[in-house]
Amino acid sequence: MKPIRLTRHAREQARERGATESEVKEAVVKGAREPAKHGRLLCRYNFGYGRRWQGKRYAIKQLAPVIKKETGEQLS
């Protein structure tokens, strides 16, 4: 498997949005892929949640990390 590296910005955004780094990586591996801006890919994945976050109860937590190919690497 290709390495998944999160930028500092990605880690900050995940933290602000209530996601862990391991959840982001799982979304990249298992998520449904769709085109995003600038030749990137969005990896949408739903996790069972069933908890409150910011005062509202959610049955699922959806993550949609955006990924890009680094020079010399290929996205599958």
N, C-alpha and C. Protein backbone atom coordinates (compact mmCIF):
# COMPACT_ATOMS: atom_id res chain seq x y z
N MET A 1 0.83 -1.18 0.00
CA MET A 1 0.00 0.00 0.00
C MET A 1 0.88 1.25 0.00
N LYS A 2 0.45 2.24 -0.74
CA LYS A 2 1.20 3.49 -0.80
C LYS A 2 1.09 4.22 0.54
N PRO A 3 2.12 4.95 0.92
CA PRO A 3 2.04 5.68 2.19
C PRO A 3 1.01 6.81 2.11
N ILE A 4 0.32 7.03 3.20
CA ILE A 4 -0.64 8.13 3.30
C ILE A 4 -0.06 9.13 4.27
N ARG A 5 0.23 10.31 3.77
CA ARG A 5 0.82 11.36 4.59
C ARG A 5 -0.16 12.53 4.68
N LEU A 6 -0.40 12.99 5.88
CA LEU A 6 -1.28 14.14 6.08
C LEU A 6 -0.43 15.39 6.26
N THR A 7 -0.83 16.45 5.60
CA THR A 7 -0.16 17.72 5.78
C THR A 7 -0.56 18.29 7.15
N ARG A 8 0.17 19.27 7.58
CA ARG A 8 -0.19 19.95 8.84
C ARG A 8 -1.60 20.52 8.74
N HIS A 9 -1.91 21.11 7.59
CA HIS A 9 -3.25 21.66 7.36
C HIS A 9 -4.32 20.56 7.48
N ALA A 10 -4.07 19.41 6.90
CA ALA A 10 -5.04 18.30 6.96
C ALA A 10 -5.24 17.84 8.40
N ARG A 11 -4.17 17.74 9.17
CA ARG A 11 -4.29 17.34 10.58
C ARG A 11 -5.08 18.37 11.38
N GLU A 12 -4.83 19.65 11.13
CA GLU A 12 -5.57 20.71 11.83
C GLU A 12 -7.05 20.67 11.47
N GLN A 13 -7.35 20.51 10.18
CA GLN A 13 -8.75 20.46 9.74
C GLN A 13 -9.47 19.25 10.33
N ALA A 14 -8.81 18.12 10.36
CA ALA A 14 -9.42 16.91 10.94
C ALA A 14 -9.75 17.15 12.41
N ARG A 15 -8.81 17.70 13.14
CA ARG A 15 -9.01 17.97 14.57
C ARG A 15 -10.20 18.91 14.78
N GLU A 16 -10.25 19.99 14.01
CA GLU A 16 -11.34 20.97 14.13
C GLU A 16 -12.70 20.35 13.80
N ARG A 17 -12.71 19.34 12.94
CA ARG A 17 -13.95 18.73 12.48
C ARG A 17 -14.29 17.43 13.20
N GLY A 18 -13.52 17.11 14.24
CA GLY A 18 -13.83 15.96 15.07
C GLY A 18 -13.41 14.61 14.51
N ALA A 19 -12.41 14.59 13.64
CA ALA A 19 -11.94 13.34 13.05
C ALA A 19 -10.53 13.04 13.55
N THR A 20 -10.21 11.77 13.64
CA THR A 20 -8.87 11.36 14.02
C THR A 20 -8.04 11.12 12.76
N GLU A 21 -6.73 11.10 12.93
CA GLU A 21 -5.84 10.82 11.80
C GLU A 21 -6.09 9.42 11.26
N SER A 22 -6.35 8.46 12.14
CA SER A 22 -6.60 7.09 11.67
C SER A 22 -7.92 7.01 10.89
N GLU A 23 -8.93 7.79 11.27
CA GLU A 23 -10.18 7.83 10.50
C GLU A 23 -9.95 8.43 9.12
N VAL A 24 -9.15 9.47 9.04
CA VAL A 24 -8.85 10.08 7.75
C VAL A 24 -8.15 9.06 6.84
N LYS A 25 -7.18 8.36 7.39
CA LYS A 25 -6.46 7.36 6.59
C LYS A 25 -7.40 6.23 6.15
N GLU A 26 -8.29 5.81 7.02
CA GLU A 26 -9.25 4.77 6.65
C GLU A 26 -10.18 5.26 5.54
N ALA A 27 -10.60 6.51 5.61
CA ALA A 27 -11.45 7.08 4.55
C ALA A 27 -10.72 7.12 3.21
N VAL A 28 -9.42 7.40 3.25
CA VAL A 28 -8.63 7.41 2.00
C VAL A 28 -8.58 6.01 1.40
N VAL A 29 -8.40 5.01 2.24
CA VAL A 29 -8.27 3.63 1.76
C VAL A 29 -9.61 3.06 1.30
N LYS A 30 -10.68 3.28 2.08
CA LYS A 30 -11.95 2.62 1.84
C LYS A 30 -13.00 3.49 1.15
N GLY A 31 -12.78 4.79 1.09
CA GLY A 31 -13.80 5.70 0.60
C GLY A 31 -14.06 5.62 -0.90
N ALA A 32 -15.29 5.99 -1.27
CA ALA A 32 -15.66 6.11 -2.68
C ALA A 32 -14.98 7.35 -3.24
N ARG A 33 -14.36 7.20 -4.38
CA ARG A 33 -13.58 8.31 -4.95
C ARG A 33 -14.37 9.05 -6.01
N GLU A 34 -14.20 10.37 -6.00
CA GLU A 34 -14.82 11.21 -7.02
C GLU A 34 -13.87 12.36 -7.34
N PRO A 35 -13.97 12.89 -8.54
CA PRO A 35 -13.06 13.97 -8.93
C PRO A 35 -13.26 15.21 -8.04
N ALA A 36 -12.17 15.90 -7.80
CA ALA A 36 -12.18 17.17 -7.06
C ALA A 36 -11.42 18.20 -7.90
N LYS A 37 -11.38 19.42 -7.44
CA LYS A 37 -10.69 20.49 -8.17
C LYS A 37 -9.20 20.22 -8.31
N HIS A 38 -8.63 20.78 -9.34
CA HIS A 38 -7.18 20.78 -9.58
C HIS A 38 -6.61 19.36 -9.72
N GLY A 39 -7.38 18.45 -10.32
CA GLY A 39 -6.89 17.10 -10.57
C GLY A 39 -6.76 16.23 -9.33
N ARG A 40 -7.41 16.61 -8.26
CA ARG A 40 -7.35 15.84 -7.02
C ARG A 40 -8.53 14.88 -6.94
N LEU A 41 -8.52 14.03 -5.93
CA LEU A 41 -9.62 13.09 -5.70
C LEU A 41 -10.17 13.28 -4.30
N LEU A 42 -11.49 13.16 -4.18
CA LEU A 42 -12.16 13.21 -2.89
C LEU A 42 -12.52 11.76 -2.54
N CYS A 43 -12.27 11.36 -1.30
CA CYS A 43 -12.53 9.99 -0.83
C CYS A 43 -13.61 10.05 0.25
N ARG A 44 -14.86 9.82 -0.13
CA ARG A 44 -15.99 9.95 0.81
C ARG A 44 -16.25 8.62 1.51
N TYR A 45 -16.32 8.66 2.86
CA TYR A 45 -16.53 7.44 3.63
C TYR A 45 -17.37 7.76 4.87
N ASN A 46 -18.34 6.88 5.17
CA ASN A 46 -19.20 7.05 6.34
C ASN A 46 -18.81 6.10 7.45
N PHE A 47 -18.71 6.63 8.66
CA PHE A 47 -18.45 5.85 9.86
C PHE A 47 -19.72 5.85 10.71
N GLY A 48 -20.03 4.72 11.35
CA GLY A 48 -21.10 4.72 12.33
C GLY A 48 -20.69 5.63 13.48
N TYR A 49 -21.59 6.45 13.98
CA TYR A 49 -21.21 7.42 15.01
C TYR A 49 -22.15 7.34 16.22
N GLY A 50 -23.40 7.71 16.07
CA GLY A 50 -24.38 7.60 17.14
C GLY A 50 -24.08 8.40 18.39
N ARG A 51 -23.47 9.57 18.22
CA ARG A 51 -23.13 10.42 19.38
C ARG A 51 -23.48 11.87 19.08
N ARG A 52 -23.28 12.70 20.10
CA ARG A 52 -23.50 14.14 19.94
C ARG A 52 -22.18 14.80 19.57
N TRP A 53 -22.28 15.79 18.71
CA TRP A 53 -21.12 16.61 18.36
C TRP A 53 -21.63 18.02 18.16
N GLN A 54 -21.04 18.96 18.88
CA GLN A 54 -21.42 20.36 18.85
C GLN A 54 -22.93 20.53 19.07
N GLY A 55 -23.44 19.79 20.07
CA GLY A 55 -24.83 19.95 20.48
C GLY A 55 -25.87 19.23 19.65
N LYS A 56 -25.48 18.46 18.65
CA LYS A 56 -26.43 17.76 17.80
C LYS A 56 -26.03 16.29 17.71
N ARG A 57 -27.03 15.41 17.69
CA ARG A 57 -26.77 13.96 17.61
C ARG A 57 -26.67 13.55 16.14
N TYR A 58 -25.65 12.74 15.85
CA TYR A 58 -25.41 12.25 14.49
C TYR A 58 -25.33 10.73 14.48
N ALA A 59 -26.02 10.09 13.55
CA ALA A 59 -25.96 8.64 13.40
C ALA A 59 -24.67 8.23 12.70
N ILE A 60 -24.21 9.06 11.78
CA ILE A 60 -22.98 8.76 11.04
C ILE A 60 -22.03 9.96 11.08
N LYS A 61 -20.78 9.66 10.86
CA LYS A 61 -19.76 10.70 10.69
C LYS A 61 -19.21 10.48 9.29
N GLN A 62 -19.37 11.48 8.43
CA GLN A 62 -18.86 11.36 7.07
C GLN A 62 -17.56 12.13 6.94
N LEU A 63 -16.54 11.43 6.43
CA LEU A 63 -15.27 12.08 6.14
C LEU A 63 -15.11 12.11 4.63
N ALA A 64 -14.52 13.18 4.15
CA ALA A 64 -14.29 13.32 2.71
C ALA A 64 -12.94 13.98 2.47
N PRO A 65 -11.84 13.27 2.81
CA PRO A 65 -10.53 13.86 2.57
C PRO A 65 -10.24 13.99 1.07
N VAL A 66 -9.51 15.04 0.74
CA VAL A 66 -9.10 15.28 -0.64
C VAL A 66 -7.62 14.89 -0.74
N ILE A 67 -7.32 14.10 -1.77
CA ILE A 67 -5.95 13.61 -1.91
C ILE A 67 -5.37 14.05 -3.25
N LYS A 68 -4.04 14.04 -3.31
CA LYS A 68 -3.38 14.34 -4.57
C LYS A 68 -2.15 13.48 -4.71
N LYS A 69 -1.79 13.23 -5.94
CA LYS A 69 -0.60 12.43 -6.25
C LYS A 69 0.63 13.30 -6.10
N GLU A 70 1.61 12.78 -5.42
CA GLU A 70 2.90 13.46 -5.31
C GLU A 70 3.75 13.04 -6.49
N THR A 71 4.71 13.83 -6.86
CA THR A 71 5.61 13.51 -7.96
C THR A 71 6.22 12.14 -7.75
N GLY A 72 6.13 11.31 -8.80
CA GLY A 72 6.70 9.98 -8.73
C GLY A 72 5.80 8.94 -8.11
N GLU A 73 4.60 9.32 -7.68
CA GLU A 73 3.64 8.38 -7.09
C GLU A 73 2.41 8.30 -7.97
N GLN A 74 1.67 7.22 -7.86
CA GLN A 74 0.43 7.07 -8.59
C GLN A 74 -0.72 6.83 -7.62
N LEU A 75 -1.89 7.38 -7.93
CA LEU A 75 -3.09 7.08 -7.15
C LEU A 75 -3.77 5.89 -7.78
N SER A 76 -4.28 5.01 -6.96
CA SER A 76 -5.00 3.86 -7.52
C SER A 76 -6.49 4.07 -7.43
